[in-house]
Amino acid sequence: MPLKSGRKAVSDNIGEIMRSYRKTGKIGTSTPKSPRDAIRQAIAISFTKARIPKKLREGGVMRDVSRIVKKKDGKNPVKIY
């Protein structure tokens, strides 16, 4: 079954890849050494398919497009869009 795209489909894609791995012992054309490597590879593939940025994959937090700047008097930060 082809993988779905979109952020909500990440979990479904990981499950689909892992079912395929348990059945055949392969993920696509690669053969991971251990189930742990297979899980890591499945996560990477599903994040890539969902087009999730690398910063979020590594557990980082994406910032707003806006910047927070302090006023000249040093009080009350202001958002600039």
N, C-alpha and C. Protein backbone atom coordinates (compact mmCIF):
# COMPACT_ATOMS: atom_id res chain seq x y z
N MET A 1 0.84 -1.17 0.00
CA MET A 1 0.00 0.00 0.00
C MET A 1 0.89 1.24 0.00
N PRO A 2 0.61 2.21 -0.87
CA PRO A 2 1.45 3.41 -0.90
C PRO A 2 1.28 4.24 0.37
N LEU A 3 2.32 4.97 0.71
CA LEU A 3 2.28 5.81 1.90
C LEU A 3 1.47 7.06 1.63
N LYS A 4 0.83 7.57 2.69
CA LYS A 4 0.03 8.79 2.58
C LYS A 4 0.92 9.99 2.84
N SER A 5 0.55 11.12 2.27
CA SER A 5 1.29 12.34 2.57
C SER A 5 0.45 13.20 3.50
N GLY A 6 1.10 14.09 4.21
CA GLY A 6 0.41 14.95 5.16
C GLY A 6 0.82 14.63 6.58
N ARG A 7 0.71 15.64 7.44
CA ARG A 7 1.17 15.51 8.83
C ARG A 7 0.37 14.51 9.64
N LYS A 8 -0.92 14.37 9.37
CA LYS A 8 -1.75 13.47 10.17
C LYS A 8 -1.51 12.01 9.82
N ALA A 9 -0.83 11.73 8.74
CA ALA A 9 -0.63 10.36 8.28
C ALA A 9 0.69 9.76 8.76
N VAL A 10 1.47 10.49 9.54
CA VAL A 10 2.79 10.00 9.97
C VAL A 10 2.68 8.67 10.71
N SER A 11 1.79 8.59 11.68
CA SER A 11 1.63 7.38 12.47
C SER A 11 1.20 6.20 11.61
N ASP A 12 0.25 6.45 10.70
CA ASP A 12 -0.21 5.38 9.80
C ASP A 12 0.92 4.88 8.92
N ASN A 13 1.75 5.80 8.43
CA ASN A 13 2.86 5.42 7.57
C ASN A 13 3.89 4.58 8.33
N ILE A 14 4.19 4.96 9.56
CA ILE A 14 5.14 4.19 10.36
C ILE A 14 4.61 2.78 10.57
N GLY A 15 3.33 2.67 10.90
CA GLY A 15 2.72 1.36 11.09
C GLY A 15 2.77 0.52 9.83
N GLU A 16 2.49 1.13 8.69
CA GLU A 16 2.51 0.41 7.41
C GLU A 16 3.91 -0.10 7.08
N ILE A 17 4.91 0.74 7.31
CA ILE A 17 6.30 0.34 7.02
C ILE A 17 6.72 -0.78 7.95
N MET A 18 6.36 -0.69 9.24
CA MET A 18 6.76 -1.72 10.19
C MET A 18 6.05 -3.05 9.93
N ARG A 19 4.79 -3.02 9.50
CA ARG A 19 4.10 -4.27 9.13
C ARG A 19 4.81 -4.93 7.95
N SER A 20 5.21 -4.12 7.00
CA SER A 20 5.93 -4.64 5.84
C SER A 20 7.28 -5.23 6.27
N TYR A 21 7.96 -4.55 7.21
CA TYR A 21 9.26 -5.04 7.70
C TYR A 21 9.10 -6.38 8.42
N ARG A 22 8.08 -6.51 9.27
CA ARG A 22 7.87 -7.76 10.00
C ARG A 22 7.55 -8.92 9.06
N LYS A 23 6.87 -8.59 7.96
CA LYS A 23 6.48 -9.62 7.00
C LYS A 23 7.65 -10.08 6.13
N THR A 24 8.43 -9.12 5.62
CA THR A 24 9.48 -9.43 4.65
C THR A 24 10.90 -9.30 5.19
N GLY A 25 11.08 -8.55 6.28
CA GLY A 25 12.43 -8.31 6.80
C GLY A 25 13.14 -7.19 6.06
N LYS A 26 12.42 -6.49 5.20
CA LYS A 26 13.01 -5.40 4.43
C LYS A 26 12.13 -4.16 4.50
N ILE A 27 12.77 -3.03 4.31
CA ILE A 27 12.06 -1.77 4.13
C ILE A 27 12.47 -1.28 2.75
N GLY A 28 11.57 -1.40 1.81
CA GLY A 28 11.91 -1.08 0.42
C GLY A 28 12.95 -2.07 -0.07
N THR A 29 14.12 -1.58 -0.43
CA THR A 29 15.19 -2.48 -0.87
C THR A 29 16.26 -2.66 0.19
N SER A 30 16.16 -1.94 1.31
CA SER A 30 17.18 -2.05 2.35
C SER A 30 16.78 -3.09 3.40
N THR A 31 17.78 -3.67 4.04
CA THR A 31 17.56 -4.65 5.10
C THR A 31 18.22 -4.13 6.38
N PRO A 32 17.44 -3.50 7.27
CA PRO A 32 18.01 -2.99 8.52
C PRO A 32 18.57 -4.13 9.37
N LYS A 33 19.63 -3.83 10.13
CA LYS A 33 20.28 -4.85 10.97
C LYS A 33 19.39 -5.35 12.10
N SER A 34 18.62 -4.42 12.69
CA SER A 34 17.80 -4.78 13.85
C SER A 34 16.44 -4.10 13.75
N PRO A 35 15.49 -4.56 14.56
CA PRO A 35 14.18 -3.88 14.59
C PRO A 35 14.29 -2.41 15.00
N ARG A 36 15.25 -2.11 15.86
CA ARG A 36 15.44 -0.71 16.28
C ARG A 36 15.85 0.16 15.09
N ASP A 37 16.75 -0.35 14.25
CA ASP A 37 17.14 0.39 13.06
C ASP A 37 15.97 0.51 12.08
N ALA A 38 15.15 -0.52 12.03
CA ALA A 38 13.98 -0.49 11.15
C ALA A 38 12.99 0.59 11.60
N ILE A 39 12.79 0.72 12.91
CA ILE A 39 11.89 1.74 13.43
C ILE A 39 12.42 3.13 13.10
N ARG A 40 13.72 3.33 13.31
CA ARG A 40 14.32 4.63 13.01
C ARG A 40 14.17 4.97 11.53
N GLN A 41 14.38 3.99 10.68
CA GLN A 41 14.25 4.21 9.26
C GLN A 41 12.80 4.49 8.88
N ALA A 42 11.87 3.79 9.50
CA ALA A 42 10.44 4.01 9.23
C ALA A 42 10.02 5.42 9.64
N ILE A 43 10.52 5.89 10.77
CA ILE A 43 10.21 7.24 11.24
C ILE A 43 10.77 8.27 10.26
N ALA A 44 12.00 8.08 9.83
CA ALA A 44 12.61 9.02 8.88
C ALA A 44 11.84 9.06 7.57
N ILE A 45 11.45 7.90 7.08
CA ILE A 45 10.71 7.85 5.81
C ILE A 45 9.35 8.54 5.95
N SER A 46 8.64 8.28 7.04
CA SER A 46 7.31 8.87 7.18
C SER A 46 7.37 10.39 7.41
N PHE A 47 8.38 10.88 8.13
CA PHE A 47 8.54 12.33 8.29
C PHE A 47 8.87 12.98 6.95
N THR A 48 9.70 12.32 6.17
CA THR A 48 10.05 12.86 4.86
C THR A 48 8.82 12.90 3.96
N LYS A 49 8.04 11.85 3.99
CA LYS A 49 6.82 11.79 3.18
C LYS A 49 5.82 12.87 3.60
N ALA A 50 5.77 13.17 4.90
CA ALA A 50 4.86 14.19 5.42
C ALA A 50 5.42 15.59 5.24
N ARG A 51 6.64 15.70 4.77
CA ARG A 51 7.33 16.98 4.56
C ARG A 51 7.46 17.79 5.85
N ILE A 52 7.86 17.11 6.92
CA ILE A 52 8.08 17.78 8.19
C ILE A 52 9.53 18.24 8.23
N PRO A 53 9.79 19.51 8.55
CA PRO A 53 11.15 20.04 8.54
C PRO A 53 12.09 19.30 9.47
N LYS A 54 13.36 19.35 9.13
CA LYS A 54 14.38 18.62 9.90
C LYS A 54 14.43 19.07 11.36
N LYS A 55 14.20 20.35 11.63
CA LYS A 55 14.24 20.84 13.01
C LYS A 55 13.20 20.13 13.87
N LEU A 56 12.02 19.89 13.32
CA LEU A 56 10.99 19.21 14.08
C LEU A 56 11.29 17.72 14.21
N ARG A 57 11.94 17.14 13.21
CA ARG A 57 12.29 15.72 13.30
C ARG A 57 13.25 15.47 14.44
N GLU A 58 14.14 16.43 14.68
CA GLU A 58 15.15 16.26 15.72
C GLU A 58 14.62 16.69 17.09
N GLY A 59 13.35 16.99 17.18
CA GLY A 59 12.76 17.35 18.46
C GLY A 59 12.80 18.83 18.76
N GLY A 60 13.22 19.65 17.80
CA GLY A 60 13.27 21.08 18.01
C GLY A 60 11.90 21.71 17.87
N VAL A 61 11.85 22.98 18.10
CA VAL A 61 10.60 23.71 18.00
C VAL A 61 10.73 24.74 16.89
N MET A 62 9.78 24.76 16.00
CA MET A 62 9.78 25.76 14.94
C MET A 62 9.29 27.08 15.51
N ARG A 63 9.90 28.15 15.13
CA ARG A 63 9.48 29.47 15.61
C ARG A 63 8.46 30.06 14.66
N ASP A 64 7.77 31.06 15.14
CA ASP A 64 6.86 31.81 14.29
C ASP A 64 7.65 32.51 13.20
N VAL A 65 6.94 32.97 12.21
CA VAL A 65 7.56 33.80 11.19
C VAL A 65 7.88 35.16 11.80
N SER A 66 7.12 35.52 12.81
CA SER A 66 7.32 36.82 13.44
C SER A 66 8.55 36.78 14.35
N ARG A 67 9.10 37.96 14.60
CA ARG A 67 10.23 38.09 15.52
C ARG A 67 9.79 38.87 16.74
N ILE A 68 10.39 38.55 17.88
CA ILE A 68 10.08 39.29 19.10
C ILE A 68 11.24 40.25 19.36
N VAL A 69 10.92 41.52 19.47
CA VAL A 69 11.94 42.56 19.65
C VAL A 69 11.57 43.37 20.88
N LYS A 70 12.57 43.78 21.64
CA LYS A 70 12.32 44.63 22.80
C LYS A 70 12.23 46.09 22.37
N LYS A 71 11.40 46.83 23.07
CA LYS A 71 11.28 48.26 22.78
C LYS A 71 12.57 48.96 23.23
N LYS A 72 12.72 50.18 22.81
CA LYS A 72 13.92 50.93 23.15
C LYS A 72 14.06 51.13 24.65
N ASP A 73 12.95 51.22 25.37
CA ASP A 73 13.05 51.41 26.81
C ASP A 73 13.36 50.11 27.53
N GLY A 74 13.40 48.97 26.81
CA GLY A 74 13.79 47.70 27.40
C GLY A 74 12.66 46.93 28.04
N LYS A 75 11.45 47.43 27.97
CA LYS A 75 10.32 46.75 28.59
C LYS A 75 9.34 46.29 27.52
N ASN A 76 8.51 45.38 27.92
CA ASN A 76 7.41 44.88 27.07
C ASN A 76 7.85 44.51 25.64
N PRO A 77 8.18 43.24 25.41
CA PRO A 77 8.55 42.81 24.07
C PRO A 77 7.40 43.01 23.08
N VAL A 78 7.75 43.27 21.83
CA VAL A 78 6.77 43.54 20.79
C VAL A 78 7.01 42.57 19.64
N LYS A 79 5.92 42.03 19.09
CA LYS A 79 6.05 41.14 17.93
C LYS A 79 6.06 41.98 16.65
N ILE A 80 6.98 41.66 15.75
CA ILE A 80 7.03 42.31 14.44
C ILE A 80 6.69 41.24 13.42
N TYR A 81 5.68 41.49 12.60
CA TYR A 81 5.24 40.51 11.61
C TYR A 81 5.82 40.78 10.26
